[in-house]
Amino acid sequence: MKYPYLLFDLDGTLIDPGEGITNSVTHALRQMGIEPPPREALYPFIGPPLIESFEEFYGLSGDQTVRAIAFYREYFREKGIFENEIYSGIPDLLAELRTRGYTLLVATSKPEQFAERILHHFGLEGYFSYIFGSTMEETRTKKSEVVAWALEQARIPPREALMIGDRRHDVVGARACGVDCMGVLYGYGSRIELEQAGAAFLAETVADVARILE
């Protein structure tokens, strides 16, 4: 077994958070006096840290970004957090990987307490030995920081871990820590995005993840 430890991204990899995240961003933009675009135009918010997205896509300053994130969480904490769907086949995949002897972890840029609530709500938390994420104070938001934290806390040699995610941030963050990454194409990242970022493997479907690991 080349990679006994599998680090899963959450949004766009285990669950489809499209509705909850875009509704939360829409709420934040309106509170900031910005007319939100159609839902599909907000999909780039799925995956990267919020602080980067608000600054990059709307040119908000530091203080404005802090306010926007507070408005985002105002909606997300009560409603958006559960406006998700598990990707078809994920529970079976996780069960199979556990049976094969893999140790499963979550490594997400989402705050840990939100990730834990989501995984518990959808009955997925039992598959994972560890859940790692960012903090509510907007620290440890970059994927490289989350992966480094996961490796340190779980005492995992980088060469024994594989990151599994759907965006370039997952690939780049993992590689910065000496960890290979499998990009999944059923999420929100494109083939070109993941290939250019340097993904070691690409999975078209949830079932492909297990096949590639074989």
Protein backbone atom coordinates (compact mmCIF):
# COMPACT_ATOMS: atom_id res chain seq x y z
CA MET A 1 0.00 0.00 0.00
CA LYS A 2 1.79 3.12 -1.25
CA TYR A 3 -0.46 5.63 0.50
CA PRO A 4 -1.83 4.22 3.79
CA TYR A 5 -3.16 7.66 4.75
CA LEU A 6 -5.80 9.38 2.61
CA LEU A 7 -6.56 13.07 3.22
CA PHE A 8 -9.95 14.04 1.78
CA ASP A 9 -11.03 17.55 0.94
CA LEU A 10 -14.64 18.21 2.02
CA ASP A 11 -16.39 20.64 -0.35
CA GLY A 12 -16.51 19.34 -3.92
CA THR A 13 -14.99 16.00 -2.94
CA LEU A 14 -17.16 14.38 -0.27
CA ILE A 15 -20.17 16.69 -0.52
CA ASP A 16 -21.64 19.06 -3.10
CA PRO A 17 -21.93 22.37 -1.20
CA GLY A 18 -23.07 24.45 -4.17
CA GLU A 19 -26.35 25.66 -2.73
CA GLY A 20 -25.17 26.42 0.80
CA ILE A 21 -21.98 28.25 -0.13
CA THR A 22 -23.51 30.35 -2.89
CA ASN A 23 -26.50 31.26 -0.73
CA SER A 24 -24.09 32.35 2.01
CA VAL A 25 -22.00 34.42 -0.42
CA THR A 26 -25.17 36.00 -1.84
CA HIS A 27 -26.25 37.01 1.66
CA ALA A 28 -22.81 38.47 2.41
CA LEU A 29 -22.67 40.46 -0.83
CA ARG A 30 -26.12 41.95 -0.28
CA GLN A 31 -25.19 42.96 3.27
CA MET A 32 -22.10 44.66 1.81
CA GLY A 33 -24.24 46.57 -0.69
CA ILE A 34 -23.12 44.51 -3.68
CA GLU A 35 -25.66 43.04 -6.10
CA PRO A 36 -24.87 39.31 -6.33
CA PRO A 37 -24.53 37.62 -9.73
CA PRO A 38 -26.34 34.37 -10.71
CA ARG A 39 -25.51 31.32 -8.60
CA GLU A 40 -23.19 29.74 -11.18
CA ALA A 41 -20.94 32.82 -11.14
CA LEU A 42 -20.28 32.22 -7.45
CA TYR A 43 -19.04 28.64 -7.85
CA PRO A 44 -15.38 29.81 -7.78
CA PHE A 45 -15.96 30.47 -4.07
CA ILE A 46 -16.16 26.70 -3.56
CA GLY A 47 -12.78 25.41 -2.51
CA PRO A 48 -10.46 28.39 -1.87
CA PRO A 49 -10.31 30.18 1.51
CA LEU A 50 -13.04 32.81 1.84
CA ILE A 51 -10.58 35.58 2.58
CA GLU A 52 -8.85 34.99 -0.76
CA SER A 53 -12.10 34.78 -2.71
CA PHE A 54 -13.69 37.98 -1.40
CA GLU A 55 -10.46 39.88 -2.01
CA GLU A 56 -9.81 38.41 -5.46
CA PHE A 57 -13.32 38.42 -6.91
CA TYR A 58 -14.67 41.62 -5.36
CA GLY A 59 -11.55 43.61 -4.49
CA LEU A 60 -12.51 43.98 -0.83
CA SER A 61 -10.00 45.47 1.58
CA GLY A 62 -8.88 43.70 4.73
CA ASP A 63 -11.56 45.22 6.97
CA GLN A 64 -14.24 44.76 4.33
CA THR A 65 -13.29 41.11 3.92
CA VAL A 66 -13.60 40.55 7.66
CA ARG A 67 -17.11 42.03 7.56
CA ALA A 68 -18.06 39.99 4.47
CA ILE A 69 -16.92 36.76 6.12
CA ALA A 70 -18.94 37.62 9.23
CA PHE A 71 -22.07 38.12 7.09
CA TYR A 72 -21.28 34.88 5.20
CA ARG A 73 -21.14 32.94 8.45
CA GLU A 74 -24.30 34.62 9.69
CA TYR A 75 -26.22 32.73 7.00
CA PHE A 76 -23.99 29.67 6.80
CA ARG A 77 -24.09 28.89 10.52
CA GLU A 78 -27.89 28.66 10.58
CA LYS A 79 -28.88 27.51 7.08
CA GLY A 80 -26.08 27.11 4.57
CA ILE A 81 -24.15 24.56 6.59
CA PHE A 82 -26.69 21.85 5.79
CA GLU A 83 -27.61 22.97 2.26
CA ASN A 84 -25.36 20.22 0.90
CA GLU A 85 -25.67 16.83 -0.76
CA ILE A 86 -23.36 13.84 -0.40
CA TYR A 87 -21.95 12.81 -3.75
CA SER A 88 -23.44 9.50 -4.87
CA GLY A 89 -21.23 6.58 -3.90
CA ILE A 90 -19.19 8.37 -1.22
CA PRO A 91 -20.36 6.29 1.78
CA ASP A 92 -19.64 3.06 -0.12
CA LEU A 93 -16.23 4.38 -1.17
CA LEU A 94 -15.27 5.33 2.37
CA ALA A 95 -16.46 2.00 3.75
CA GLU A 96 -14.46 0.10 1.12
CA LEU A 97 -11.30 2.08 1.78
CA ARG A 98 -11.59 1.51 5.52
CA THR A 99 -12.05 -2.21 4.88
CA ARG A 100 -8.89 -2.21 2.76
CA GLY A 101 -6.97 -0.81 5.72
CA TYR A 102 -6.57 2.84 4.78
CA THR A 103 -6.61 5.51 7.48
CA LEU A 104 -8.97 8.29 6.36
CA LEU A 105 -8.67 11.94 7.32
CA VAL A 106 -10.42 15.16 6.33
CA ALA A 107 -8.25 18.16 5.43
CA THR A 108 -10.39 21.19 4.55
CA SER A 109 -10.02 24.97 4.49
CA LYS A 110 -13.45 25.15 6.14
CA PRO A 111 -13.36 25.78 9.91
CA GLU A 112 -13.02 22.50 11.80
CA GLN A 113 -16.18 22.98 13.84
CA PHE A 114 -18.25 23.47 10.68
CA ALA A 115 -16.65 20.43 9.04
CA GLU A 116 -17.40 18.31 12.10
CA ARG A 117 -21.04 19.44 12.18
CA ILE A 118 -21.50 18.67 8.47
CA LEU A 119 -19.89 15.24 8.66
CA HIS A 120 -21.96 14.38 11.73
CA HIS A 121 -25.18 15.61 10.11
CA PHE A 122 -24.64 13.46 7.03
CA GLY A 123 -23.42 10.42 8.96
CA LEU A 124 -19.89 10.47 7.55
CA GLU A 125 -17.79 11.31 10.60
CA GLY A 126 -17.39 7.67 11.65
CA TYR A 127 -15.29 6.89 8.60
CA PHE A 128 -12.57 9.37 9.56
CA SER A 129 -9.86 9.00 12.18
CA TYR A 130 -9.15 12.73 12.14
CA ILE A 131 -10.85 15.93 10.93
CA PHE A 132 -8.57 18.89 10.28
CA GLY A 133 -9.55 22.36 9.08
CA SER A 134 -9.04 26.06 9.58
CA THR A 135 -9.98 28.10 12.63
CA MET A 136 -12.85 30.50 13.15
CA GLU A 137 -10.24 33.26 13.52
CA GLU A 138 -9.29 32.80 9.83
CA THR A 139 -5.94 31.18 10.56
CA ARG A 140 -4.70 27.96 8.95
CA THR A 141 -6.92 28.67 5.95
CA LYS A 142 -4.47 27.80 3.18
CA LYS A 143 -4.57 24.15 2.13
CA SER A 144 -0.81 23.84 2.62
CA GLU A 145 -1.27 24.93 6.24
CA VAL A 146 -4.09 22.46 6.80
CA VAL A 147 -2.16 19.58 5.24
CA ALA A 148 0.96 20.44 7.26
CA TRP A 149 -1.16 20.55 10.43
CA ALA A 150 -2.72 17.18 9.62
CA LEU A 151 0.66 15.55 8.99
CA GLU A 152 2.07 16.97 12.21
CA GLN A 153 -0.88 16.12 14.45
CA ALA A 154 -1.41 12.61 13.05
CA ARG A 155 2.36 12.00 12.76
CA ILE A 156 2.20 11.00 9.11
CA PRO A 157 5.27 10.89 6.83
CA PRO A 158 4.40 12.98 3.72
CA ARG A 159 5.39 10.17 1.33
CA GLU A 160 2.76 7.91 2.94
CA ALA A 161 -0.13 10.33 2.43
CA LEU A 162 -2.32 11.12 -0.57
CA MET A 163 -4.51 14.23 -0.76
CA ILE A 164 -7.80 13.82 -2.61
CA GLY A 165 -9.52 17.02 -3.75
CA ASP A 166 -11.26 18.82 -6.58
CA ARG A 167 -9.46 22.18 -6.88
CA ARG A 168 -5.96 23.39 -7.67
CA HIS A 169 -5.63 24.60 -4.08
CA ASP A 170 -5.74 20.98 -2.93
CA VAL A 171 -3.01 19.96 -5.36
CA VAL A 172 -0.74 22.94 -4.75
CA GLY A 173 -1.21 22.79 -0.98
CA ALA A 174 -0.44 19.08 -0.85
CA ARG A 175 2.62 19.37 -3.07
CA ALA A 176 3.99 22.18 -0.89
CA CYS A 177 4.05 19.62 1.93
CA GLY A 178 5.61 16.84 -0.14
CA VAL A 179 2.29 15.03 -0.53
CA ASP A 180 0.92 13.64 -3.81
CA CYS A 181 -2.63 14.57 -4.81
CA MET A 182 -5.44 12.86 -6.67
CA GLY A 183 -7.73 15.34 -8.40
CA VAL A 184 -11.42 14.44 -8.73
CA LEU A 185 -13.31 15.67 -11.77
CA TYR A 186 -16.84 15.25 -10.40
CA GLY A 187 -16.35 18.32 -8.18
CA TYR A 188 -15.80 21.97 -9.10
CA GLY A 189 -12.32 21.91 -10.64
CA SER A 190 -11.60 21.28 -14.31
CA ARG A 191 -9.21 18.77 -15.82
CA ILE A 192 -6.98 21.59 -17.06
CA GLU A 193 -6.91 23.25 -13.63
CA LEU A 194 -5.91 20.04 -11.89
CA GLU A 195 -3.40 18.93 -14.51
CA GLN A 196 -1.67 22.30 -14.55
CA ALA A 197 -1.49 22.27 -10.75
CA GLY A 198 0.36 18.94 -10.92
CA ALA A 199 -2.15 16.31 -9.80
CA ALA A 200 -0.53 12.86 -9.72
CA PHE A 201 -3.82 11.14 -10.60
CA LEU A 202 -7.23 12.16 -11.94
CA ALA A 203 -10.48 10.41 -11.01
CA GLU A 204 -13.45 10.97 -13.32
CA THR A 205 -15.96 9.49 -10.87
CA VAL A 206 -16.25 8.50 -7.22
CA ALA A 207 -15.76 4.86 -8.21
CA ASP A 208 -12.54 5.79 -10.03
CA VAL A 209 -10.97 6.83 -6.72
CA ALA A 210 -11.06 3.24 -5.47
CA ARG A 211 -9.94 1.83 -8.82
CA ILE A 212 -6.93 4.14 -9.01
CA LEU A 213 -5.89 3.24 -5.46
CA GLU A 214 -5.98 -0.45 -6.42
